[in-house]
C-alpha atoms as a PDB file:
ATOM      1  CA  MET A   1       0.000   0.000   0.000  1.00  0.00           C
ATOM      2  CA  PRO A   2       1.469   3.450  -0.913  1.00  0.00           C
ATOM      3  CA  ALA A   3       2.325   5.934   1.779  1.00  0.00           C
ATOM      4  CA  VAL A   4      -0.325   8.587   2.470  1.00  0.00           C
ATOM      5  CA  GLY A   5       2.138  11.379   1.665  1.00  0.00           C
ATOM      6  CA  GLN A   6       2.382  10.214  -1.944  1.00  0.00           C
ATOM      7  CA  TYR A   7      -1.254  11.111  -2.572  1.00  0.00           C
ATOM      8  CA  SER A   8      -1.723  14.022  -0.185  1.00  0.00           C
ATOM      9  CA  PRO A   9      -1.736  17.574  -1.546  1.00  0.00           C
ATOM     10  CA  PRO A  10       1.120  19.833  -0.463  1.00  0.00           C
ATOM     11  CA  SER A  11       0.649  21.198   3.041  1.00  0.00           C
ATOM     12  CA  THR A  12       0.970  24.986   2.787  1.00  0.00           C
ATOM     13  CA  SER A  13       0.471  27.789   5.216  1.00  0.00           C
ATOM     14  CA  LEU A  14       0.426  31.534   4.506  1.00  0.00           C
ATOM     15  CA  ILE A  15       0.271  34.509   6.888  1.00  0.00           C
ATOM     16  CA  ILE A  16       0.764  38.085   5.659  1.00  0.00           C
ATOM     17  CA  ARG A  17       2.820  40.054   8.183  1.00  0.00           C
ATOM     18  CA  PRO A  18       1.025  43.109   9.689  1.00  0.00           C
ATOM     19  CA  ALA A  19       3.563  45.767   8.633  1.00  0.00           C
ATOM     20  CA  ALA A  20       5.483  46.727   5.494  1.00  0.00           C
ATOM     21  CA  THR A  21       8.116  49.358   4.766  1.00  0.00           C
ATOM     22  CA  VAL A  22       7.689  52.146   2.194  1.00  0.00           C
ATOM     23  CA  ILE A  23      10.961  52.701   0.320  1.00  0.00           C
ATOM     24  CA  ASP A  24      12.382  55.079  -2.281  1.00  0.00           C
ATOM     25  CA  ARG A  25      10.032  57.938  -1.432  1.00  0.00           C
ATOM     26  CA  GLY A  26       6.935  55.824  -2.041  1.00  0.00           C
ATOM     27  CA  ALA A  27       8.027  54.217  -5.311  1.00  0.00           C
ATOM     28  CA  ALA A  28       7.703  50.816  -3.663  1.00  0.00           C
ATOM     29  CA  ALA A  29       6.703  49.016  -0.495  1.00  0.00           C
ATOM     30  CA  VAL A  30       8.199  45.842   0.946  1.00  0.00           C
ATOM     31  CA  PRO A  31       5.601  43.549   2.520  1.00  0.00           C
ATOM     32  CA  SER A  32       6.410  40.033   3.671  1.00  0.00           C
ATOM     33  CA  ALA A  33       4.661  36.845   4.669  1.00  0.00           C
ATOM     34  CA  TYR A  34       5.322  33.717   6.675  1.00  0.00           C
ATOM     35  CA  VAL A  35       5.046  30.567   4.578  1.00  0.00           C
ATOM     36  CA  VAL A  36       5.464  26.857   5.218  1.00  0.00           C
ATOM     37  CA  CYS A  37       5.623  24.179   2.538  1.00  0.00           C
ATOM     38  CA  GLN A  38       7.131  20.773   1.899  1.00  0.00           C
ATOM     39  CA  PRO A  39      10.916  20.550   1.385  1.00  0.00           C
ATOM     40  CA  GLY A  40      11.868  20.682  -2.281  1.00  0.00           C
ATOM     41  CA  ASP A  41       8.537  22.096  -3.491  1.00  0.00           C
ATOM     42  CA  TYR A  42       8.723  24.928  -6.010  1.00  0.00           C
ATOM     43  CA  VAL A  43       6.604  27.869  -4.884  1.00  0.00           C
ATOM     44  CA  SER A  44       5.700  31.395  -5.894  1.00  0.00           C
ATOM     45  CA  LEU A  45       4.358  34.097  -3.574  1.00  0.00           C
ATOM     46  CA  ASN A  46       2.491  37.055  -5.073  1.00  0.00           C
ATOM     47  CA  ILE A  47       1.518  40.055  -2.915  1.00  0.00           C
ATOM     48  CA  SER A  48      -0.650  42.998  -4.047  1.00  0.00           C
ATOM     49  CA  LEU A  49      -1.131  46.234  -2.085  1.00  0.00           C
ATOM     50  CA  THR A  50      -3.872  48.845  -2.473  1.00  0.00           C
ATOM     51  CA  GLU A  51      -3.838  52.088  -0.497  1.00  0.00           C
ATOM     52  CA  ARG A  52      -5.507  55.467  -0.542  1.00  0.00           C
ATOM     53  CA  SER A  53      -2.813  58.026  -1.387  1.00  0.00           C
ATOM     54  CA  GLY A  54      -4.129  61.570  -1.190  1.00  0.00           C
ATOM     55  CA  HIS A  55      -7.259  61.714  -3.364  1.00  0.00           C
ATOM     56  CA  ALA A  56      -6.255  58.692  -5.449  1.00  0.00           C
ATOM     57  CA  ILE A  57      -5.312  55.041  -5.093  1.00  0.00           C
ATOM     58  CA  ALA A  58      -1.780  53.663  -4.944  1.00  0.00           C
ATOM     59  CA  SER A  59      -1.457  50.021  -5.857  1.00  0.00           C
ATOM     60  CA  GLY A  60       0.977  47.456  -7.128  1.00  0.00           C
ATOM     61  CA  SER A  61       1.994  43.829  -6.966  1.00  0.00           C
ATOM     62  CA  GLY A  62       5.111  41.725  -6.948  1.00  0.00           C
ATOM     63  CA  SER A  63       6.137  38.101  -6.780  1.00  0.00           C
ATOM     64  CA  GLN A  64       8.970  35.977  -5.464  1.00  0.00           C
ATOM     65  CA  ASP A  65       9.824  32.390  -6.480  1.00  0.00           C
ATOM     66  CA  PHE A  66      11.813  30.039  -4.238  1.00  0.00           C
ATOM     67  CA  ASN A  67      12.323  26.437  -3.127  1.00  0.00           C
ATOM     68  CA  CYS A  68      10.868  25.285   0.192  1.00  0.00           C
ATOM     69  CA  THR A  69      12.917  24.025   3.116  1.00  0.00           C
ATOM     70  CA  GLY A  70      10.036  22.618   5.174  1.00  0.00           C
ATOM     71  CA  GLN A  71      10.593  25.275   7.859  1.00  0.00           C
ATOM     72  CA  ILE A  72       8.668  28.500   8.534  1.00  0.00           C
ATOM     73  CA  GLU A  73      10.161  31.047   6.158  1.00  0.00           C
ATOM     74  CA  THR A  74       9.776  34.814   5.951  1.00  0.00           C
ATOM     75  CA  VAL A  75       9.464  35.822   2.301  1.00  0.00           C
ATOM     76  CA  THR A  76       9.822  39.476   1.298  1.00  0.00           C
ATOM     77  CA  VAL A  77       8.194  40.661  -1.930  1.00  0.00           C
ATOM     78  CA  PRO A  78       9.011  44.141  -3.295  1.00  0.00           C
ATOM     79  CA  VAL A  79       5.879  45.848  -4.655  1.00  0.00           C
ATOM     80  CA  ALA A  80       6.314  48.764  -7.084  1.00  0.00           C
ATOM     81  CA  ALA A  81       3.656  51.494  -6.858  1.00  0.00           C
ATOM     82  CA  THR A  82       1.619  52.319  -9.947  1.00  0.00           C
ATOM     83  CA  ASP A  83      -0.047  55.693 -10.639  1.00  0.00           C
ATOM     84  CA  LYS A  84       0.532  57.158  -7.144  1.00  0.00           C
ATOM     85  CA  PRO A  85       3.292  56.617  -4.540  1.00  0.00           C
ATOM     86  CA  PHE A  86       2.718  54.589  -1.394  1.00  0.00           C
ATOM     87  CA  VAL A  87       2.540  56.628   1.818  1.00  0.00           C
ATOM     88  CA  ALA A  88       2.574  55.786   5.523  1.00  0.00           C
ATOM     89  CA  GLY A  89      -0.789  54.440   6.655  1.00  0.00           C
ATOM     90  CA  LYS A  90      -3.069  51.453   6.163  1.00  0.00           C
ATOM     91  CA  ALA A  91      -3.127  49.357   2.994  1.00  0.00           C
ATOM     92  CA  PHE A  92      -5.091  46.303   1.917  1.00  0.00           C
ATOM     93  CA  ALA A  93      -2.864  43.312   1.137  1.00  0.00           C
ATOM     94  CA  GLN A  94      -3.767  40.248  -0.908  1.00  0.00           C
ATOM     95  CA  ALA A  95      -1.432  37.282  -1.222  1.00  0.00           C
ATOM     96  CA  SER A  96      -1.494  34.159  -3.373  1.00  0.00           C
ATOM     97  CA  PHE A  97       0.870  31.302  -2.590  1.00  0.00           C
ATOM     98  CA  PHE A  98       1.340  28.723  -5.382  1.00  0.00           C
ATOM     99  CA  ASP A  99       2.935  25.437  -4.295  1.00  0.00           C
ATOM    100  CA  CYS A 100       3.952  22.682  -6.713  1.00  0.00           C
ATOM    101  CA  GLY A 101       5.124  19.391  -5.281  1.00  0.00           C
ATOM    102  CA  PRO A 102       6.183  16.241  -7.123  1.00  0.00           C
ATOM    103  CA  THR A 103       2.621  15.158  -7.946  1.00  0.00           C
ATOM    104  CA  ILE A 104       0.224  18.052  -7.300  1.00  0.00           C
ATOM    105  CA  CYS A 105       0.005  21.850  -7.212  1.00  0.00           C
ATOM    106  CA  SER A 106      -2.128  23.981  -4.901  1.00  0.00           C
ATOM    107  CA  GLN A 107      -2.910  27.620  -4.185  1.00  0.00           C
ATOM    108  CA  THR A 108      -3.478  29.333  -0.835  1.00  0.00           C
ATOM    109  CA  ASN A 109      -4.863  32.892  -0.573  1.00  0.00           C
ATOM    110  CA  ALA A 110      -4.847  35.405   2.272  1.00  0.00           C
ATOM    111  CA  THR A 111      -5.888  39.023   2.823  1.00  0.00           C
ATOM    112  CA  ARG A 112      -5.379  41.521   5.620  1.00  0.00           C
ATOM    113  CA  SER A 113      -4.885  45.189   6.422  1.00  0.00           C
ATOM    114  CA  VAL A 114      -1.211  46.111   6.800  1.00  0.00           C
ATOM    115  CA  THR A 115       0.468  49.193   8.189  1.00  0.00           C
ATOM    116  CA  LEU A 116       2.835  50.875   5.759  1.00  0.00           C
ATOM    117  CA  GLN A 117       5.715  52.542   7.571  1.00  0.00           C
ATOM    118  CA  VAL A 118       8.285  54.964   6.169  1.00  0.00           C
ATOM    119  CA  LYS A 119      11.808  53.958   7.125  1.00  0.00           C
ATOM    120  CA  LYS A 120      13.483  56.695   9.180  1.00  0.00           C
ATOM    121  CA  LYS A 121      16.880  57.929   8.009  1.00  0.00           C
ATOM    122  CA  LYS A 122      19.666  57.583  10.530  1.00  0.00           C
END
């Protein structure tokens, strides 16, 4: 009889972290997420941000590909702003985590409000 793991979908977990840093005078923001997946799986994390910026909307998305280690990993995804710059304040984050193992692929989604913070110069 085959082992259960051979027919089980990849076990993934995704948590968007509650804060992100605005960089380069609002040209981009750097959110991150905690992810867990099976060792050796190929994965891609996509994060989109949407924020009110003045009287308009700042938004953007970015993605990061990597190989899993089986441990909790913190993955940072640079997000370039489109139309308007990101500013300090609250933004809506959406993340999609694509996980492909040896026999099956899956997708996990998460959303949350994140606090965008401007990095202070030293």
